[in-house]
Amino acid sequence: MGKDDEGVYQLTPEEEADLEEADREIERGEIATEEEVRAMWAKYRL
């Protein structure tokens, strides 16, 4: 992510595409369950 002189972050084209795909996944109902999220947190000890 780039940062201009005014403190506004500009997404790279790749980051923009990732966010657009994430929005489409959400629209399709492809979201993690609470159990899946907990498993990820436990795996990475976060």
PDB file of N, CA and C in Angstrom:
ATOM      1  N   MET A   1       0.843  -1.181   0.000  1.00  0.00           N
ATOM      2  CA  MET A   1       0.000   0.000   0.000  1.00  0.00           C
ATOM      3  C   MET A   1       0.885   1.240   0.000  1.00  0.00           C
ATOM      4  N   GLY A   2       0.588   2.169  -0.865  1.00  0.00           N
ATOM      5  CA  GLY A   2       1.347   3.401  -0.895  1.00  0.00           C
ATOM      6  C   GLY A   2       0.674   4.469  -0.062  1.00  0.00           C
ATOM      7  N   LYS A   3       1.459   5.449   0.352  1.00  0.00           N
ATOM      8  CA  LYS A   3       0.905   6.540   1.150  1.00  0.00           C
ATOM      9  C   LYS A   3       1.310   7.859   0.500  1.00  0.00           C
ATOM     10  N   ASP A   4       0.314   8.695   0.205  1.00  0.00           N
ATOM     11  CA  ASP A   4       0.675   9.982  -0.389  1.00  0.00           C
ATOM     12  C   ASP A   4       0.951  11.001   0.708  1.00  0.00           C
ATOM     13  N   ASP A   5       1.250  12.224   0.332  1.00  0.00           N
ATOM     14  CA  ASP A   5       1.642  13.254   1.286  1.00  0.00           C
ATOM     15  C   ASP A   5       0.542  13.657   2.251  1.00  0.00           C
ATOM     16  N   GLU A   6      -0.707  13.373   1.944  1.00  0.00           N
ATOM     17  CA  GLU A   6      -1.813  13.778   2.799  1.00  0.00           C
ATOM     18  C   GLU A   6      -2.264  12.670   3.732  1.00  0.00           C
ATOM     19  N   GLY A   7      -1.553  11.551   3.791  1.00  0.00           N
ATOM     20  CA  GLY A   7      -1.900  10.485   4.712  1.00  0.00           C
ATOM     21  C   GLY A   7      -2.994   9.558   4.202  1.00  0.00           C
ATOM     22  N   VAL A   8      -3.332   9.632   2.929  1.00  0.00           N
ATOM     23  CA  VAL A   8      -4.353   8.765   2.352  1.00  0.00           C
ATOM     24  C   VAL A   8      -3.651   7.575   1.702  1.00  0.00           C
ATOM     25  N   TYR A   9      -4.075   6.384   2.061  1.00  0.00           N
ATOM     26  CA  TYR A   9      -3.466   5.185   1.492  1.00  0.00           C
ATOM     27  C   TYR A   9      -4.077   4.864   0.140  1.00  0.00           C
ATOM     28  N   GLN A  10      -3.222   4.542  -0.802  1.00  0.00           N
ATOM     29  CA  GLN A  10      -3.652   4.158  -2.133  1.00  0.00           C
ATOM     30  C   GLN A  10      -3.408   2.663  -2.300  1.00  0.00           C
ATOM     31  N   LEU A  11      -4.444   1.940  -2.677  1.00  0.00           N
ATOM     32  CA  LEU A  11      -4.306   0.507  -2.899  1.00  0.00           C
ATOM     33  C   LEU A  11      -3.584   0.245  -4.209  1.00  0.00           C
ATOM     34  N   THR A  12      -2.800  -0.821  -4.211  1.00  0.00           N
ATOM     35  CA  THR A  12      -2.204  -1.257  -5.471  1.00  0.00           C
ATOM     36  C   THR A  12      -3.308  -1.924  -6.277  1.00  0.00           C
ATOM     37  N   PRO A  13      -3.118  -2.084  -7.580  1.00  0.00           N
ATOM     38  CA  PRO A  13      -4.133  -2.788  -8.370  1.00  0.00           C
ATOM     39  C   PRO A  13      -4.406  -4.195  -7.831  1.00  0.00           C
ATOM     40  N   GLU A  14      -3.368  -4.877  -7.347  1.00  0.00           N
ATOM     41  CA  GLU A  14      -3.553  -6.218  -6.787  1.00  0.00           C
ATOM     42  C   GLU A  14      -4.406  -6.172  -5.516  1.00  0.00           C
ATOM     43  N   GLU A  15      -4.155  -5.210  -4.642  1.00  0.00           N
ATOM     44  CA  GLU A  15      -4.943  -5.077  -3.417  1.00  0.00           C
ATOM     45  C   GLU A  15      -6.402  -4.749  -3.743  1.00  0.00           C
ATOM     46  N   GLU A  16      -6.604  -3.877  -4.726  1.00  0.00           N
ATOM     47  CA  GLU A  16      -7.968  -3.519  -5.147  1.00  0.00           C
ATOM     48  C   GLU A  16      -8.702  -4.755  -5.657  1.00  0.00           C
ATOM     49  N   ALA A  17      -8.023  -5.571  -6.478  1.00  0.00           N
ATOM     50  CA  ALA A  17      -8.629  -6.791  -7.014  1.00  0.00           C
ATOM     51  C   ALA A  17      -8.951  -7.772  -5.887  1.00  0.00           C
ATOM     52  N   ASP A  18      -8.063  -7.889  -4.896  1.00  0.00           N
ATOM     53  CA  ASP A  18      -8.312  -8.780  -3.758  1.00  0.00           C
ATOM     54  C   ASP A  18      -9.558  -8.346  -2.991  1.00  0.00           C
ATOM     55  N   LEU A  19      -9.709  -7.050  -2.776  1.00  0.00           N
ATOM     56  CA  LEU A  19     -10.880  -6.553  -2.055  1.00  0.00           C
ATOM     57  C   LEU A  19     -12.164  -6.759  -2.847  1.00  0.00           C
ATOM     58  N   GLU A  20     -12.091  -6.562  -4.150  1.00  0.00           N
ATOM     59  CA  GLU A  20     -13.269  -6.786  -4.991  1.00  0.00           C
ATOM     60  C   GLU A  20     -13.682  -8.255  -4.959  1.00  0.00           C
ATOM     61  N   GLU A  21     -12.714  -9.165  -4.995  1.00  0.00           N
ATOM     62  CA  GLU A  21     -13.023 -10.598  -4.919  1.00  0.00           C
ATOM     63  C   GLU A  21     -13.607 -10.934  -3.552  1.00  0.00           C
ATOM     64  N   ALA A  22     -13.082 -10.337  -2.499  1.00  0.00           N
ATOM     65  CA  ALA A  22     -13.618 -10.573  -1.159  1.00  0.00           C
ATOM     66  C   ALA A  22     -15.081 -10.128  -1.083  1.00  0.00           C
ATOM     67  N   ASP A  23     -15.392  -8.987  -1.681  1.00  0.00           N
ATOM     68  CA  ASP A  23     -16.788  -8.515  -1.706  1.00  0.00           C
ATOM     69  C   ASP A  23     -17.689  -9.516  -2.431  1.00  0.00           C
ATOM     70  N   ARG A  24     -17.207 -10.068  -3.553  1.00  0.00           N
ATOM     71  CA  ARG A  24     -18.005 -11.058  -4.290  1.00  0.00           C
ATOM     72  C   ARG A  24     -18.193 -12.332  -3.463  1.00  0.00           C
ATOM     73  N   GLU A  25     -17.159 -12.742  -2.727  1.00  0.00           N
ATOM     74  CA  GLU A  25     -17.283 -13.927  -1.873  1.00  0.00           C
ATOM     75  C   GLU A  25     -18.334 -13.705  -0.792  1.00  0.00           C
ATOM     76  N   ILE A  26     -18.335 -12.526  -0.203  1.00  0.00           N
ATOM     77  CA  ILE A  26     -19.324 -12.201   0.827  1.00  0.00           C
ATOM     78  C   ILE A  26     -20.727 -12.226   0.230  1.00  0.00           C
ATOM     79  N   GLU A  27     -20.887 -11.644  -0.961  1.00  0.00           N
ATOM     80  CA  GLU A  27     -22.191 -11.640  -1.622  1.00  0.00           C
ATOM     81  C   GLU A  27     -22.692 -13.061  -1.880  1.00  0.00           C
ATOM     82  N   ARG A  28     -21.760 -13.978  -2.154  1.00  0.00           N
ATOM     83  CA  ARG A  28     -22.136 -15.375  -2.402  1.00  0.00           C
ATOM     84  C   ARG A  28     -22.324 -16.153  -1.100  1.00  0.00           C
ATOM     85  N   GLY A  29     -22.081 -15.514   0.030  1.00  0.00           N
ATOM     86  CA  GLY A  29     -22.232 -16.187   1.321  1.00  0.00           C
ATOM     87  C   GLY A  29     -21.021 -17.009   1.714  1.00  0.00           C
ATOM     88  N   GLU A  30     -19.904 -16.770   1.065  1.00  0.00           N
ATOM     89  CA  GLU A  30     -18.685 -17.521   1.348  1.00  0.00           C
ATOM     90  C   GLU A  30     -17.903 -16.832   2.470  1.00  0.00           C
ATOM     91  N   ILE A  31     -18.393 -16.996   3.677  1.00  0.00           N
ATOM     92  CA  ILE A  31     -17.718 -16.407   4.824  1.00  0.00           C
ATOM     93  C   ILE A  31     -17.359 -17.507   5.816  1.00  0.00           C
ATOM     94  N   ALA A  32     -16.332 -17.238   6.606  1.00  0.00           N
ATOM     95  CA  ALA A  32     -15.880 -18.212   7.588  1.00  0.00           C
ATOM     96  C   ALA A  32     -16.880 -18.312   8.734  1.00  0.00           C
ATOM     97  N   THR A  33     -17.029 -19.538   9.241  1.00  0.00           N
ATOM     98  CA  THR A  33     -17.867 -19.724  10.426  1.00  0.00           C
ATOM     99  C   THR A  33     -17.082 -19.267  11.654  1.00  0.00           C
ATOM    100  N   GLU A  34     -17.763 -19.082  12.751  1.00  0.00           N
ATOM    101  CA  GLU A  34     -17.095 -18.696  13.990  1.00  0.00           C
ATOM    102  C   GLU A  34     -16.054 -19.751  14.379  1.00  0.00           C
ATOM    103  N   GLU A  35     -16.381 -21.014  14.179  1.00  0.00           N
ATOM    104  CA  GLU A  35     -15.452 -22.096  14.498  1.00  0.00           C
ATOM    105  C   GLU A  35     -14.187 -22.016  13.629  1.00  0.00           C
ATOM    106  N   GLU A  36     -14.357 -21.722  12.342  1.00  0.00           N
ATOM    107  CA  GLU A  36     -13.205 -21.600  11.449  1.00  0.00           C
ATOM    108  C   GLU A  36     -12.304 -20.434  11.861  1.00  0.00           C
ATOM    109  N   VAL A  37     -12.908 -19.342  12.271  1.00  0.00           N
ATOM    110  CA  VAL A  37     -12.132 -18.180  12.707  1.00  0.00           C
ATOM    111  C   VAL A  37     -11.352 -18.530  13.967  1.00  0.00           C
ATOM    112  N   ARG A  38     -12.001 -19.188  14.918  1.00  0.00           N
ATOM    113  CA  ARG A  38     -11.302 -19.584  16.156  1.00  0.00           C
ATOM    114  C   ARG A  38     -10.142 -20.520  15.852  1.00  0.00           C
ATOM    115  N   ALA A  39     -10.335 -21.447  14.919  1.00  0.00           N
ATOM    116  CA  ALA A  39      -9.270 -22.380  14.553  1.00  0.00           C
ATOM    117  C   ALA A  39      -8.085 -21.628  13.949  1.00  0.00           C
ATOM    118  N   MET A  40      -8.355 -20.620  13.129  1.00  0.00           N
ATOM    119  CA  MET A  40      -7.281 -19.831  12.539  1.00  0.00           C
ATOM    120  C   MET A  40      -6.527 -19.076  13.624  1.00  0.00           C
ATOM    121  N   TRP A  41      -7.241 -18.464  14.551  1.00  0.00           N
ATOM    122  CA  TRP A  41      -6.588 -17.730  15.636  1.00  0.00           C
ATOM    123  C   TRP A  41      -5.722 -18.682  16.461  1.00  0.00           C
ATOM    124  N   ALA A  42      -6.236 -19.860  16.744  1.00  0.00           N
ATOM    125  CA  ALA A  42      -5.469 -20.829  17.533  1.00  0.00           C
ATOM    126  C   ALA A  42      -4.236 -21.308  16.766  1.00  0.00           C
ATOM    127  N   LYS A  43      -4.381 -21.552  15.488  1.00  0.00           N
ATOM    128  CA  LYS A  43      -3.259 -22.026  14.672  1.00  0.00           C
ATOM    129  C   LYS A  43      -2.109 -21.040  14.680  1.00  0.00           C
ATOM    130  N   TYR A  44      -2.425 -19.770  14.563  1.00  0.00           N
ATOM    131  CA  TYR A  44      -1.386 -18.729  14.492  1.00  0.00           C
ATOM    132  C   TYR A  44      -1.139 -18.043  15.835  1.00  0.00           C
ATOM    133  N   ARG A  45      -1.775 -18.566  16.876  1.00  0.00           N
ATOM    134  CA  ARG A  45      -1.596 -18.054  18.250  1.00  0.00           C
ATOM    135  C   ARG A  45      -1.809 -16.548  18.337  1.00  0.00           C
ATOM    136  N   LEU A  46      -2.891 -16.098  17.742  1.00  0.00           N
ATOM    137  CA  LEU A  46      -3.195 -14.655  17.751  1.00  0.00           C
ATOM    138  C   LEU A  46      -4.258 -14.341  18.768  1.00  0.00           C
TER     139      LEU A  46
END
